[in-house]
C-alpha atoms as a PDB file:
ATOM      1  CA  MET A   1     -64.396  47.481  32.764  1.00  0.00           C
ATOM      2  CA  SER A   2     -60.875  47.252  34.158  1.00  0.00           C
ATOM      3  CA  THR A   3     -58.162  44.959  32.927  1.00  0.00           C
ATOM      4  CA  LYS A   4     -55.916  43.157  35.386  1.00  0.00           C
ATOM      5  CA  THR A   5     -52.270  42.583  34.670  1.00  0.00           C
ATOM      6  CA  LEU A   6     -49.901  40.212  36.378  1.00  0.00           C
ATOM      7  CA  PRO A   7     -47.198  41.780  38.527  1.00  0.00           C
ATOM      8  CA  GLY A   8     -44.067  42.566  36.505  1.00  0.00           C
ATOM      9  CA  ARG A   9     -45.855  42.059  33.152  1.00  0.00           C
ATOM     10  CA  ASP A  10     -46.690  44.835  30.759  1.00  0.00           C
ATOM     11  CA  ALA A  11     -50.347  45.162  29.825  1.00  0.00           C
ATOM     12  CA  HIS A  12     -49.550  44.902  26.129  1.00  0.00           C
ATOM     13  CA  GLU A  13     -47.183  41.904  26.407  1.00  0.00           C
ATOM     14  CA  PRO A  14     -48.632  38.917  24.557  1.00  0.00           C
ATOM     15  CA  ARG A  15     -49.601  35.964  26.687  1.00  0.00           C
ATOM     16  CA  THR A  16     -47.963  33.524  24.241  1.00  0.00           C
ATOM     17  CA  ALA A  17     -44.434  33.995  25.645  1.00  0.00           C
ATOM     18  CA  ARG A  18     -44.543  30.951  27.910  1.00  0.00           C
ATOM     19  CA  PRO A  19     -46.078  28.660  25.288  1.00  0.00           C
ATOM     20  CA  GLU A  20     -43.300  29.748  22.840  1.00  0.00           C
ATOM     21  CA  ARG A  21     -40.712  28.953  25.486  1.00  0.00           C
ATOM     22  CA  GLY A  22     -42.290  25.548  25.967  1.00  0.00           C
ATOM     23  CA  ALA A  23     -42.356  24.949  22.214  1.00  0.00           C
ATOM     24  CA  GLY A  24     -38.625  25.736  22.069  1.00  0.00           C
ATOM     25  CA  ARG A  25     -37.944  23.127  24.717  1.00  0.00           C
ATOM     26  CA  ARG A  26     -40.000  20.584  22.794  1.00  0.00           C
ATOM     27  CA  ARG A  27     -38.021  21.340  19.644  1.00  0.00           C
ATOM     28  CA  LEU A  28     -34.772  20.793  21.528  1.00  0.00           C
ATOM     29  CA  VAL A  29     -36.070  17.505  22.902  1.00  0.00           C
ATOM     30  CA  LEU A  30     -37.212  16.370  19.465  1.00  0.00           C
ATOM     31  CA  ARG A  31     -33.895  17.413  17.939  1.00  0.00           C
ATOM     32  CA  SER A  32     -31.863  15.522  20.545  1.00  0.00           C
ATOM     33  CA  THR A  33     -34.133  12.502  20.093  1.00  0.00           C
ATOM     34  CA  ALA A  34     -33.598  12.585  16.317  1.00  0.00           C
ATOM     35  CA  ARG A  35     -29.858  12.911  16.824  1.00  0.00           C
ATOM     36  CA  GLY A  36     -29.952   9.933  19.177  1.00  0.00           C
ATOM     37  CA  ARG A  37     -31.819   7.867  16.585  1.00  0.00           C
ATOM     38  CA  GLN A  38     -29.255   8.803  13.932  1.00  0.00           C
ATOM     39  CA  THR A  39     -26.401   7.857  16.261  1.00  0.00           C
ATOM     40  CA  ARG A  40     -27.975   4.481  17.041  1.00  0.00           C
ATOM     41  CA  ALA A  41     -28.638   3.868  13.336  1.00  0.00           C
ATOM     42  CA  ALA A  42     -25.003   4.738  12.523  1.00  0.00           C
ATOM     43  CA  TRP A  43     -23.704   2.297  15.134  1.00  0.00           C
ATOM     44  CA  ILE A  44     -26.059  -0.414  13.875  1.00  0.00           C
ATOM     45  CA  LEU A  45     -24.836   0.085  10.309  1.00  0.00           C
ATOM     46  CA  ALA A  46     -21.198   0.131  11.442  1.00  0.00           C
ATOM     47  CA  ALA A  47     -21.586  -2.929  13.681  1.00  0.00           C
ATOM     48  CA  PRO A  48     -20.863  -5.562  10.957  1.00  0.00           C
ATOM     49  CA  PHE A  49     -17.656  -3.788   9.937  1.00  0.00           C
ATOM     50  CA  LEU A  50     -16.580  -3.341  13.547  1.00  0.00           C
ATOM     51  CA  ALA A  51     -17.224  -7.018  14.282  1.00  0.00           C
ATOM     52  CA  LEU A  52     -15.205  -8.125  11.253  1.00  0.00           C
ATOM     53  CA  PHE A  53     -12.438  -5.628  12.042  1.00  0.00           C
ATOM     54  CA  LEU A  54     -12.160  -6.834  15.625  1.00  0.00           C
ATOM     55  CA  ALA A  55     -12.326 -10.524  14.708  1.00  0.00           C
ATOM     56  CA  PHE A  56     -10.012 -10.547  11.702  1.00  0.00           C
ATOM     57  CA  MET A  57      -7.769  -7.490  12.162  1.00  0.00           C
ATOM     58  CA  LEU A  58      -7.353  -6.050  15.640  1.00  0.00           C
ATOM     59  CA  VAL A  59      -7.449  -9.283  17.670  1.00  0.00           C
ATOM     60  CA  PRO A  60      -5.029 -11.174  15.348  1.00  0.00           C
ATOM     61  CA  VAL A  61      -2.628  -8.206  15.294  1.00  0.00           C
ATOM     62  CA  VAL A  62      -2.564  -7.949  19.094  1.00  0.00           C
ATOM     63  CA  TRP A  63      -2.385 -11.736  19.473  1.00  0.00           C
ATOM     64  CA  SER A  64       0.538 -12.021  17.034  1.00  0.00           C
ATOM     65  CA  LEU A  65       2.375  -9.293  18.948  1.00  0.00           C
ATOM     66  CA  LEU A  66       1.914 -11.294  22.139  1.00  0.00           C
ATOM     67  CA  MET A  67       3.089 -14.471  20.370  1.00  0.00           C
ATOM     68  CA  SER A  68       6.259 -12.707  19.230  1.00  0.00           C
ATOM     69  CA  LEU A  69       7.097 -12.128  22.904  1.00  0.00           C
ATOM     70  CA  THR A  70       6.509 -15.731  23.988  1.00  0.00           C
ATOM     71  CA  ASP A  71       7.696 -19.232  23.043  1.00  0.00           C
ATOM     72  CA  THR A  72       4.459 -20.149  21.262  1.00  0.00           C
ATOM     73  CA  GLN A  73       4.671 -23.225  19.036  1.00  0.00           C
ATOM     74  CA  SER A  74       2.036 -25.078  17.046  1.00  0.00           C
ATOM     75  CA  VAL A  75       1.669 -27.590  19.886  1.00  0.00           C
ATOM     76  CA  ASP A  76       0.599 -24.768  22.212  1.00  0.00           C
ATOM     77  CA  LEU A  77      -2.604 -23.961  20.325  1.00  0.00           C
ATOM     78  CA  ARG A  78      -4.704 -26.107  22.635  1.00  0.00           C
ATOM     79  CA  THR A  79      -3.155 -24.554  25.742  1.00  0.00           C
ATOM     80  CA  PRO A  80      -2.307 -20.968  24.750  1.00  0.00           C
ATOM     81  CA  LEU A  81      -2.108 -19.786  28.359  1.00  0.00           C
ATOM     82  CA  ASN A  82       0.699 -22.220  29.231  1.00  0.00           C
ATOM     83  CA  VAL A  83       3.333 -20.490  27.087  1.00  0.00           C
ATOM     84  CA  SER A  84       6.241 -18.642  28.661  1.00  0.00           C
ATOM     85  CA  PHE A  85       7.106 -14.980  28.241  1.00  0.00           C
ATOM     86  CA  THR A  86      10.501 -14.591  26.548  1.00  0.00           C
ATOM     87  CA  GLY A  87      10.647 -10.858  25.872  1.00  0.00           C
ATOM     88  CA  PHE A  88      12.711  -9.928  22.820  1.00  0.00           C
ATOM     89  CA  ASP A  89      14.513 -13.278  22.575  1.00  0.00           C
ATOM     90  CA  ASN A  90      12.674 -14.141  19.344  1.00  0.00           C
ATOM     91  CA  TYR A  91      13.867 -10.914  17.727  1.00  0.00           C
ATOM     92  CA  VAL A  92      17.429 -11.649  18.813  1.00  0.00           C
ATOM     93  CA  ARG A  93      17.123 -15.137  17.317  1.00  0.00           C
ATOM     94  CA  LEU A  94      15.939 -13.643  14.050  1.00  0.00           C
ATOM     95  CA  PHE A  95      18.960 -11.415  13.553  1.00  0.00           C
ATOM     96  CA  GLU A  96      21.264 -14.259  14.557  1.00  0.00           C
ATOM     97  CA  ASP A  97      19.723 -16.419  11.831  1.00  0.00           C
ATOM     98  CA  GLU A  98      21.756 -16.027   8.627  1.00  0.00           C
ATOM     99  CA  GLN A  99      18.776 -17.102   6.520  1.00  0.00           C
ATOM    100  CA  PHE A 100      16.622 -14.261   7.861  1.00  0.00           C
ATOM    101  CA  VAL A 101      19.418 -11.733   7.377  1.00  0.00           C
ATOM    102  CA  HIS A 102      19.783 -13.003   3.801  1.00  0.00           C
ATOM    103  CA  ALA A 103      16.014 -12.653   3.304  1.00  0.00           C
ATOM    104  CA  LEU A 104      16.171  -9.070   4.582  1.00  0.00           C
ATOM    105  CA  ARG A 105      19.007  -8.347   2.148  1.00  0.00           C
ATOM    106  CA  ASN A 106      16.966  -9.732  -0.758  1.00  0.00           C
ATOM    107  CA  THR A 107      13.988  -7.624   0.316  1.00  0.00           C
ATOM    108  CA  ALA A 108      16.156  -4.509   0.534  1.00  0.00           C
ATOM    109  CA  VAL A 109      17.534  -5.076  -2.980  1.00  0.00           C
ATOM    110  CA  PHE A 110      14.021  -5.681  -4.291  1.00  0.00           C
ATOM    111  CA  VAL A 111      12.767  -2.400  -2.796  1.00  0.00           C
ATOM    112  CA  LEU A 112      15.797  -0.184  -3.430  1.00  0.00           C
ATOM    113  CA  VAL A 113      16.059  -1.235  -7.076  1.00  0.00           C
ATOM    114  CA  GLY A 114      12.446  -1.991  -7.943  1.00  0.00           C
ATOM    115  CA  LEU A 115      10.805   1.074  -6.368  1.00  0.00           C
ATOM    116  CA  PRO A 116      12.813   3.768  -8.223  1.00  0.00           C
ATOM    117  CA  LEU A 117      12.536   1.820 -11.491  1.00  0.00           C
ATOM    118  CA  THR A 118       8.762   1.533 -11.098  1.00  0.00           C
ATOM    119  CA  LEU A 119       8.345   5.227 -10.351  1.00  0.00           C
ATOM    120  CA  ALA A 120      10.637   6.265 -13.195  1.00  0.00           C
ATOM    121  CA  THR A 121       9.061   4.033 -15.843  1.00  0.00           C
ATOM    122  CA  GLY A 122       5.544   4.896 -14.702  1.00  0.00           C
ATOM    123  CA  LEU A 123       6.311   8.614 -14.851  1.00  0.00           C
ATOM    124  CA  ALA A 124       7.931   8.245 -18.286  1.00  0.00           C
ATOM    125  CA  ALA A 125       4.888   6.384 -19.590  1.00  0.00           C
ATOM    126  CA  ALA A 126       2.584   9.059 -18.159  1.00  0.00           C
ATOM    127  CA  VAL A 127       4.577  11.873 -19.787  1.00  0.00           C
ATOM    128  CA  ALA A 128       4.530  10.027 -23.118  1.00  0.00           C
ATOM    129  CA  LEU A 129       0.784   9.484 -22.958  1.00  0.00           C
ATOM    130  CA  ASN A 130       0.152  13.054 -21.872  1.00  0.00           C
ATOM    131  CA  SER A 131       2.174  14.767 -24.583  1.00  0.00           C
ATOM    132  CA  GLY A 132       3.837  12.513 -27.092  1.00  0.00           C
ATOM    133  CA  ILE A 133       1.045  10.093 -28.014  1.00  0.00           C
ATOM    134  CA  GLY A 134      -2.101  11.559 -29.490  1.00  0.00           C
ATOM    135  CA  ARG A 135      -3.962   8.761 -31.197  1.00  0.00           C
ATOM    136  CA  PHE A 136      -4.859   5.462 -29.503  1.00  0.00           C
ATOM    137  CA  ARG A 137      -4.134   6.986 -26.077  1.00  0.00           C
ATOM    138  CA  ALA A 138      -6.923   4.972 -24.437  1.00  0.00           C
ATOM    139  CA  VAL A 139      -5.540   1.742 -25.925  1.00  0.00           C
ATOM    140  CA  PHE A 140      -2.127   2.425 -24.439  1.00  0.00           C
ATOM    141  CA  ARG A 141      -3.670   3.220 -21.046  1.00  0.00           C
ATOM    142  CA  VAL A 142      -5.514  -0.077 -21.000  1.00  0.00           C
ATOM    143  CA  GLY A 143      -2.442  -1.955 -22.203  1.00  0.00           C
ATOM    144  CA  PHE A 144      -0.201  -0.546 -19.486  1.00  0.00           C
ATOM    145  CA  TYR A 145      -2.806  -0.991 -16.761  1.00  0.00           C
ATOM    146  CA  LEU A 146      -3.936  -4.501 -17.710  1.00  0.00           C
ATOM    147  CA  PRO A 147      -1.161  -6.301 -15.731  1.00  0.00           C
ATOM    148  CA  VAL A 148      -2.269  -4.461 -12.574  1.00  0.00           C
ATOM    149  CA  ILE A 149      -5.746  -5.992 -12.589  1.00  0.00           C
ATOM    150  CA  THR A 150      -4.442  -9.419 -13.596  1.00  0.00           C
ATOM    151  CA  SER A 151      -3.851 -11.928 -10.812  1.00  0.00           C
ATOM    152  CA  VAL A 152      -0.246 -11.864  -9.664  1.00  0.00           C
ATOM    153  CA  VAL A 153      -0.260 -15.654  -9.570  1.00  0.00           C
ATOM    154  CA  ALA A 154      -1.343 -15.784 -13.222  1.00  0.00           C
ATOM    155  CA  VAL A 155       1.347 -13.259 -14.154  1.00  0.00           C
ATOM    156  CA  ALA A 156       3.999 -15.258 -12.283  1.00  0.00           C
ATOM    157  CA  VAL A 157       2.971 -18.486 -14.000  1.00  0.00           C
ATOM    158  CA  VAL A 158       3.135 -16.835 -17.436  1.00  0.00           C
ATOM    159  CA  TRP A 159       6.569 -15.370 -16.735  1.00  0.00           C
ATOM    160  CA  LYS A 160       7.808 -18.698 -15.416  1.00  0.00           C
ATOM    161  CA  THR A 161       6.686 -20.339 -18.667  1.00  0.00           C
ATOM    162  CA  LEU A 162       8.332 -17.635 -20.777  1.00  0.00           C
ATOM    163  CA  LEU A 163      11.615 -18.055 -18.905  1.00  0.00           C
ATOM    164  CA  GLU A 164      11.855 -21.846 -19.211  1.00  0.00           C
ATOM    165  CA  PRO A 165      15.479 -22.582 -20.166  1.00  0.00           C
ATOM    166  CA  GLN A 166      14.654 -25.094 -22.930  1.00  0.00           C
ATOM    167  CA  ALA A 167      11.240 -24.278 -24.376  1.00  0.00           C
ATOM    168  CA  GLY A 168      10.667 -20.751 -23.054  1.00  0.00           C
ATOM    169  CA  LEU A 169       9.941 -17.955 -25.492  1.00  0.00           C
ATOM    170  CA  VAL A 170      12.742 -15.712 -24.161  1.00  0.00           C
ATOM    171  CA  ASN A 171      15.531 -18.243 -24.727  1.00  0.00           C
ATOM    172  CA  THR A 172      13.986 -19.262 -28.049  1.00  0.00           C
ATOM    173  CA  VAL A 173      14.172 -15.687 -29.337  1.00  0.00           C
ATOM    174  CA  LEU A 174      17.727 -15.323 -27.997  1.00  0.00           C
ATOM    175  CA  GLY A 175      18.639 -18.515 -29.849  1.00  0.00           C
ATOM    176  CA  TRP A 176      17.600 -16.901 -33.142  1.00  0.00           C
ATOM    177  CA  PHE A 177      20.498 -14.491 -32.648  1.00  0.00           C
ATOM    178  CA  GLY A 178      22.959 -17.171 -31.582  1.00  0.00           C
ATOM    179  CA  ILE A 179      22.710 -16.369 -27.869  1.00  0.00           C
ATOM    180  CA  ASP A 180      22.533 -19.264 -25.430  1.00  0.00           C
ATOM    181  CA  GLY A 181      20.048 -18.072 -22.823  1.00  0.00           C
ATOM    182  CA  PRO A 182      20.630 -19.007 -19.170  1.00  0.00           C
ATOM    183  CA  ALA A 183      18.339 -20.840 -16.802  1.00  0.00           C
ATOM    184  CA  TRP A 184      16.862 -17.582 -15.583  1.00  0.00           C
ATOM    185  CA  LEU A 185      15.076 -18.794 -12.460  1.00  0.00           C
ATOM    186  CA  ALA A 186      17.662 -21.435 -11.547  1.00  0.00           C
ATOM    187  CA  ASP A 187      20.634 -19.069 -11.570  1.00  0.00           C
ATOM    188  CA  THR A 188      21.445 -17.026  -8.482  1.00  0.00           C
ATOM    189  CA  ARG A 189      22.648 -14.167 -10.698  1.00  0.00           C
ATOM    190  CA  PHE A 190      19.367 -13.730 -12.574  1.00  0.00           C
ATOM    191  CA  ALA A 191      16.506 -14.999 -10.379  1.00  0.00           C
ATOM    192  CA  LEU A 192      16.047 -11.864  -8.246  1.00  0.00           C
ATOM    193  CA  PRO A 193      16.638  -9.362 -11.105  1.00  0.00           C
ATOM    194  CA  VAL A 194      14.015 -11.212 -13.165  1.00  0.00           C
ATOM    195  CA  MET A 195      11.493 -10.776 -10.346  1.00  0.00           C
ATOM    196  CA  ILE A 196      12.356  -7.090 -10.064  1.00  0.00           C
ATOM    197  CA  VAL A 197      11.751  -6.623 -13.795  1.00  0.00           C
ATOM    198  CA  MET A 198       8.459  -8.504 -13.559  1.00  0.00           C
ATOM    199  CA  ALA A 199       7.326  -6.401 -10.577  1.00  0.00           C
ATOM    200  CA  VAL A 200       8.222  -3.169 -12.382  1.00  0.00           C
ATOM    201  CA  TRP A 201       6.330  -4.268 -15.489  1.00  0.00           C
ATOM    202  CA  ARG A 202       3.300  -5.275 -13.446  1.00  0.00           C
ATOM    203  CA  ASN A 203       3.088  -2.164 -11.249  1.00  0.00           C
ATOM    204  CA  LEU A 204       4.074   0.670 -13.564  1.00  0.00           C
ATOM    205  CA  GLY A 205       0.448   0.891 -14.758  1.00  0.00           C
ATOM    206  CA  THR A 206      -0.718   2.114 -11.353  1.00  0.00           C
ATOM    207  CA  VAL A 207       2.034   4.728 -11.207  1.00  0.00           C
ATOM    208  CA  MET A 208       1.255   5.785 -14.785  1.00  0.00           C
ATOM    209  CA  ILE A 209      -2.460   6.350 -14.120  1.00  0.00           C
ATOM    210  CA  ILE A 210      -1.838   8.436 -10.980  1.00  0.00           C
ATOM    211  CA  MET A 211       0.963  10.434 -12.599  1.00  0.00           C
ATOM    212  CA  LEU A 212      -1.159  11.015 -15.689  1.00  0.00           C
ATOM    213  CA  ALA A 213      -3.894  12.497 -13.507  1.00  0.00           C
ATOM    214  CA  GLY A 214      -1.297  14.722 -11.870  1.00  0.00           C
ATOM    215  CA  LEU A 215       0.092  15.873 -15.214  1.00  0.00           C
ATOM    216  CA  GLN A 216      -3.343  16.760 -16.511  1.00  0.00           C
ATOM    217  CA  SER A 217      -4.001  18.884 -13.419  1.00  0.00           C
ATOM    218  CA  VAL A 218      -0.955  21.123 -13.996  1.00  0.00           C
ATOM    219  CA  PRO A 219      -2.233  24.610 -14.974  1.00  0.00           C
ATOM    220  CA  ARG A 220      -1.453  25.334 -18.592  1.00  0.00           C
ATOM    221  CA  SER A 221      -0.883  29.000 -17.752  1.00  0.00           C
ATOM    222  CA  LEU A 222       2.185  28.094 -15.685  1.00  0.00           C
ATOM    223  CA  MET A 223       3.682  26.146 -18.576  1.00  0.00           C
ATOM    224  CA  GLU A 224       3.011  29.016 -20.984  1.00  0.00           C
ATOM    225  CA  ALA A 225       4.536  31.524 -18.582  1.00  0.00           C
ATOM    226  CA  ALA A 226       7.659  29.391 -18.193  1.00  0.00           C
ATOM    227  CA  GLU A 227       7.918  29.027 -21.966  1.00  0.00           C
ATOM    228  CA  LEU A 228       7.653  32.809 -22.412  1.00  0.00           C
ATOM    229  CA  ASP A 229      10.470  33.222 -19.894  1.00  0.00           C
ATOM    230  CA  GLY A 230      12.692  31.113 -22.132  1.00  0.00           C
ATOM    231  CA  ALA A 231      12.568  27.822 -20.204  1.00  0.00           C
ATOM    232  CA  GLY A 232      13.233  24.736 -22.294  1.00  0.00           C
ATOM    233  CA  ALA A 233      11.225  21.526 -22.212  1.00  0.00           C
ATOM    234  CA  TRP A 234      13.418  19.932 -19.544  1.00  0.00           C
ATOM    235  CA  GLN A 235      13.457  23.092 -17.402  1.00  0.00           C
ATOM    236  CA  ARG A 236       9.669  23.367 -17.646  1.00  0.00           C
ATOM    237  CA  PHE A 237       9.294  19.778 -16.524  1.00  0.00           C
ATOM    238  CA  TRP A 238      11.839  19.951 -13.694  1.00  0.00           C
ATOM    239  CA  ARG A 239      11.002  23.429 -12.404  1.00  0.00           C
ATOM    240  CA  VAL A 240       7.235  23.566 -12.962  1.00  0.00           C
ATOM    241  CA  THR A 241       5.703  20.147 -13.561  1.00  0.00           C
ATOM    242  CA  PHE A 242       7.715  17.947 -11.215  1.00  0.00           C
ATOM    243  CA  PRO A 243       7.148  20.031  -8.042  1.00  0.00           C
ATOM    244  CA  LEU A 244       3.408  19.913  -8.710  1.00  0.00           C
ATOM    245  CA  LEU A 245       3.625  16.118  -9.010  1.00  0.00           C
ATOM    246  CA  ARG A 246       4.937  15.676  -5.463  1.00  0.00           C
ATOM    247  CA  PRO A 247       1.559  14.569  -3.999  1.00  0.00           C
ATOM    248  CA  ALA A 248       1.078  11.983  -6.753  1.00  0.00           C
ATOM    249  CA  LEU A 249       4.681  10.839  -6.432  1.00  0.00           C
ATOM    250  CA  LEU A 250       4.332  10.499  -2.662  1.00  0.00           C
ATOM    251  CA  LEU A 251       1.160   8.442  -3.006  1.00  0.00           C
ATOM    252  CA  THR A 252       2.654   6.039  -5.531  1.00  0.00           C
ATOM    253  CA  ALA A 253       5.954   5.774  -3.645  1.00  0.00           C
ATOM    254  CA  VAL A 254       4.247   4.900  -0.351  1.00  0.00           C
ATOM    255  CA  THR A 255       1.796   2.354  -1.768  1.00  0.00           C
ATOM    256  CA  THR A 256       4.361   0.712  -4.055  1.00  0.00           C
ATOM    257  CA  GLY A 257       7.009   0.640  -1.330  1.00  0.00           C
ATOM    258  CA  ILE A 258       4.636  -1.052   1.106  1.00  0.00           C
ATOM    259  CA  GLY A 259       3.793  -3.668  -1.511  1.00  0.00           C
ATOM    260  CA  TYR A 260       7.437  -4.305  -2.386  1.00  0.00           C
ATOM    261  CA  LEU A 261       8.450  -4.758   1.250  1.00  0.00           C
ATOM    262  CA  GLN A 262       5.820  -7.499   1.470  1.00  0.00           C
ATOM    263  CA  PHE A 263       6.672  -9.212  -1.814  1.00  0.00           C
ATOM    264  CA  PHE A 264       5.780 -12.868  -1.518  1.00  0.00           C
ATOM    265  CA  ASP A 265       3.735 -14.194  -4.441  1.00  0.00           C
ATOM    266  CA  GLU A 266       6.489 -13.972  -7.032  1.00  0.00           C
ATOM    267  CA  PRO A 267       9.094 -16.145  -5.252  1.00  0.00           C
ATOM    268  CA  PHE A 268       6.395 -18.424  -3.853  1.00  0.00           C
ATOM    269  CA  VAL A 269       5.061 -19.272  -7.311  1.00  0.00           C
ATOM    270  CA  MET A 270       8.216 -19.049  -9.422  1.00  0.00           C
ATOM    271  CA  THR A 271      11.177 -20.224  -7.326  1.00  0.00           C
ATOM    272  CA  ASP A 272       9.980 -21.199  -3.836  1.00  0.00           C
ATOM    273  CA  GLY A 273      12.662 -18.871  -2.502  1.00  0.00           C
ATOM    274  CA  GLY A 274      15.505 -20.486  -4.445  1.00  0.00           C
ATOM    275  CA  PRO A 275      17.970 -21.027  -5.852  1.00  0.00           C
ATOM    276  CA  LEU A 276      20.035 -21.054  -2.656  1.00  0.00           C
ATOM    277  CA  ASP A 277      17.644 -18.578  -0.991  1.00  0.00           C
ATOM    278  CA  SER A 278      18.520 -15.924  -3.590  1.00  0.00           C
ATOM    279  CA  THR A 279      14.836 -14.933  -3.894  1.00  0.00           C
ATOM    280  CA  LEU A 280      13.774 -15.614  -0.318  1.00  0.00           C
ATOM    281  CA  SER A 281      11.939 -12.567   1.065  1.00  0.00           C
ATOM    282  CA  ALA A 282      11.287 -11.584   4.665  1.00  0.00           C
ATOM    283  CA  THR A 283       7.574 -12.342   4.357  1.00  0.00           C
ATOM    284  CA  MET A 284       8.304 -15.719   2.796  1.00  0.00           C
ATOM    285  CA  TYR A 285      10.664 -16.482   5.675  1.00  0.00           C
ATOM    286  CA  ALA A 286       7.832 -15.687   8.099  1.00  0.00           C
ATOM    287  CA  TYR A 287       5.504 -17.913   6.069  1.00  0.00           C
ATOM    288  CA  ASN A 288       7.963 -20.812   6.216  1.00  0.00           C
ATOM    289  CA  GLN A 289       8.439 -20.413   9.960  1.00  0.00           C
ATOM    290  CA  PHE A 290       4.687 -20.415  10.446  1.00  0.00           C
ATOM    291  CA  GLY A 291       4.431 -23.585   8.363  1.00  0.00           C
ATOM    292  CA  ASN A 292       7.116 -25.191  10.510  1.00  0.00           C
ATOM    293  CA  GLY A 293       5.089 -24.445  13.641  1.00  0.00           C
ATOM    294  CA  ASN A 294       7.384 -21.683  14.951  1.00  0.00           C
ATOM    295  CA  TYR A 295       4.610 -19.185  15.531  1.00  0.00           C
ATOM    296  CA  ASN A 296       6.753 -17.052  17.830  1.00  0.00           C
ATOM    297  CA  VAL A 297       9.529 -16.565  15.276  1.00  0.00           C
ATOM    298  CA  ALA A 298       7.035 -16.049  12.436  1.00  0.00           C
ATOM    299  CA  SER A 299       5.240 -13.330  14.424  1.00  0.00           C
ATOM    300  CA  ALA A 300       8.521 -11.617  15.241  1.00  0.00           C
ATOM    301  CA  ALA A 301       9.526 -11.669  11.555  1.00  0.00           C
ATOM    302  CA  GLY A 302       6.175 -10.153  10.627  1.00  0.00           C
ATOM    303  CA  TYR A 303       6.670  -7.299  13.074  1.00  0.00           C
ATOM    304  CA  VAL A 304      10.175  -6.648  11.758  1.00  0.00           C
ATOM    305  CA  VAL A 305       8.621  -6.158   8.312  1.00  0.00           C
ATOM    306  CA  PHE A 306       5.965  -3.933   9.908  1.00  0.00           C
ATOM    307  CA  VAL A 307       8.637  -1.699  11.467  1.00  0.00           C
ATOM    308  CA  LEU A 308      10.467  -1.521   8.124  1.00  0.00           C
ATOM    309  CA  ILE A 309       7.248  -0.419   6.423  1.00  0.00           C
ATOM    310  CA  ILE A 310       6.773   2.357   8.978  1.00  0.00           C
ATOM    311  CA  ALA A 311      10.400   3.474   8.602  1.00  0.00           C
ATOM    312  CA  LEU A 312      10.218   3.540   4.795  1.00  0.00           C
ATOM    313  CA  THR A 313       6.902   5.423   4.844  1.00  0.00           C
ATOM    314  CA  VAL A 314       8.220   8.063   7.260  1.00  0.00           C
ATOM    315  CA  LEU A 315      11.331   8.495   5.102  1.00  0.00           C
ATOM    316  CA  GLN A 316       9.236   8.921   1.967  1.00  0.00           C
ATOM    317  CA  PHE A 317       7.038  11.526   3.650  1.00  0.00           C
ATOM    318  CA  ARG A 318      10.100  13.483   4.737  1.00  0.00           C
ATOM    319  CA  VAL A 319      11.675  13.410   1.276  1.00  0.00           C
ATOM    320  CA  LEU A 320       8.640  13.782  -0.994  1.00  0.00           C
ATOM    321  CA  ARG A 321       6.143  15.836   0.954  1.00  0.00           C
ATOM    322  CA  ASP A 322       5.323  19.322  -0.261  1.00  0.00           C
ATOM    323  CA  LYS A 323       7.839  21.719   1.247  1.00  0.00           C
ATOM    324  CA  ASP A 324       5.261  24.523   1.203  1.00  0.00           C
END
């Protein structure tokens, strides 16, 4: 009995080659179908976030940019397409306004003084907790961090009560030593420094926690090697510990700097921008312009703050990023 073979096929070649090839195609089809289902499921799950992001973030940001380039007022809300394009006239008006320039100066002082103080005090607290304080370390952590999770409005109200010129606790204690305390929030010399001190006290807990994590990640072998080489405590900190803290320092500097450039709650609750605009910030200026119906000027002021945030962040990355 003879066996017939197909042309070009070996007699001993199994006849399952084509079915295996077909099964491979089916696996590819099933795999692509499963990947398509996963993609559709991912888009369905992301759809609520995307809708909220578009409605409350992207569209308002683009719309405010357009308003900053037009003469939009509150009366134009019903007819938004009837406004006129003015280009950069609103930005020119801003820098010709002495009140806005004064607000920018206050914001610059708040950032340039408050940011280094916050980083320095937070780092000092972290070093103390990491090395100098053994017992009750958790209590100190909670105590330093508690102002961070407390509402800024509540903190501002408490500080405003403490600084009352007649019945406030601060002036009462000063009176025990024969010192006549000033009207802290009604004096142009003290109002802004008081807010800087309050901001430093409130935000040093965040810096402390991040720095403490960075300190605890420093390899002990490096510190021991530096000590064997004769390096003192300050040299070990400056030459070994501090360079390894650059990522933590960069993170805290960027986040704190962004928050300080947008400082608003403190003057809004405590002084309403006074006395004599000595605590008026750039964001509070934008808020007041918006309340007055000058949506074009308010939007332009907001984008000036946005550009300042970008500039400060880029500068911090250039200075504090890891050189390696």
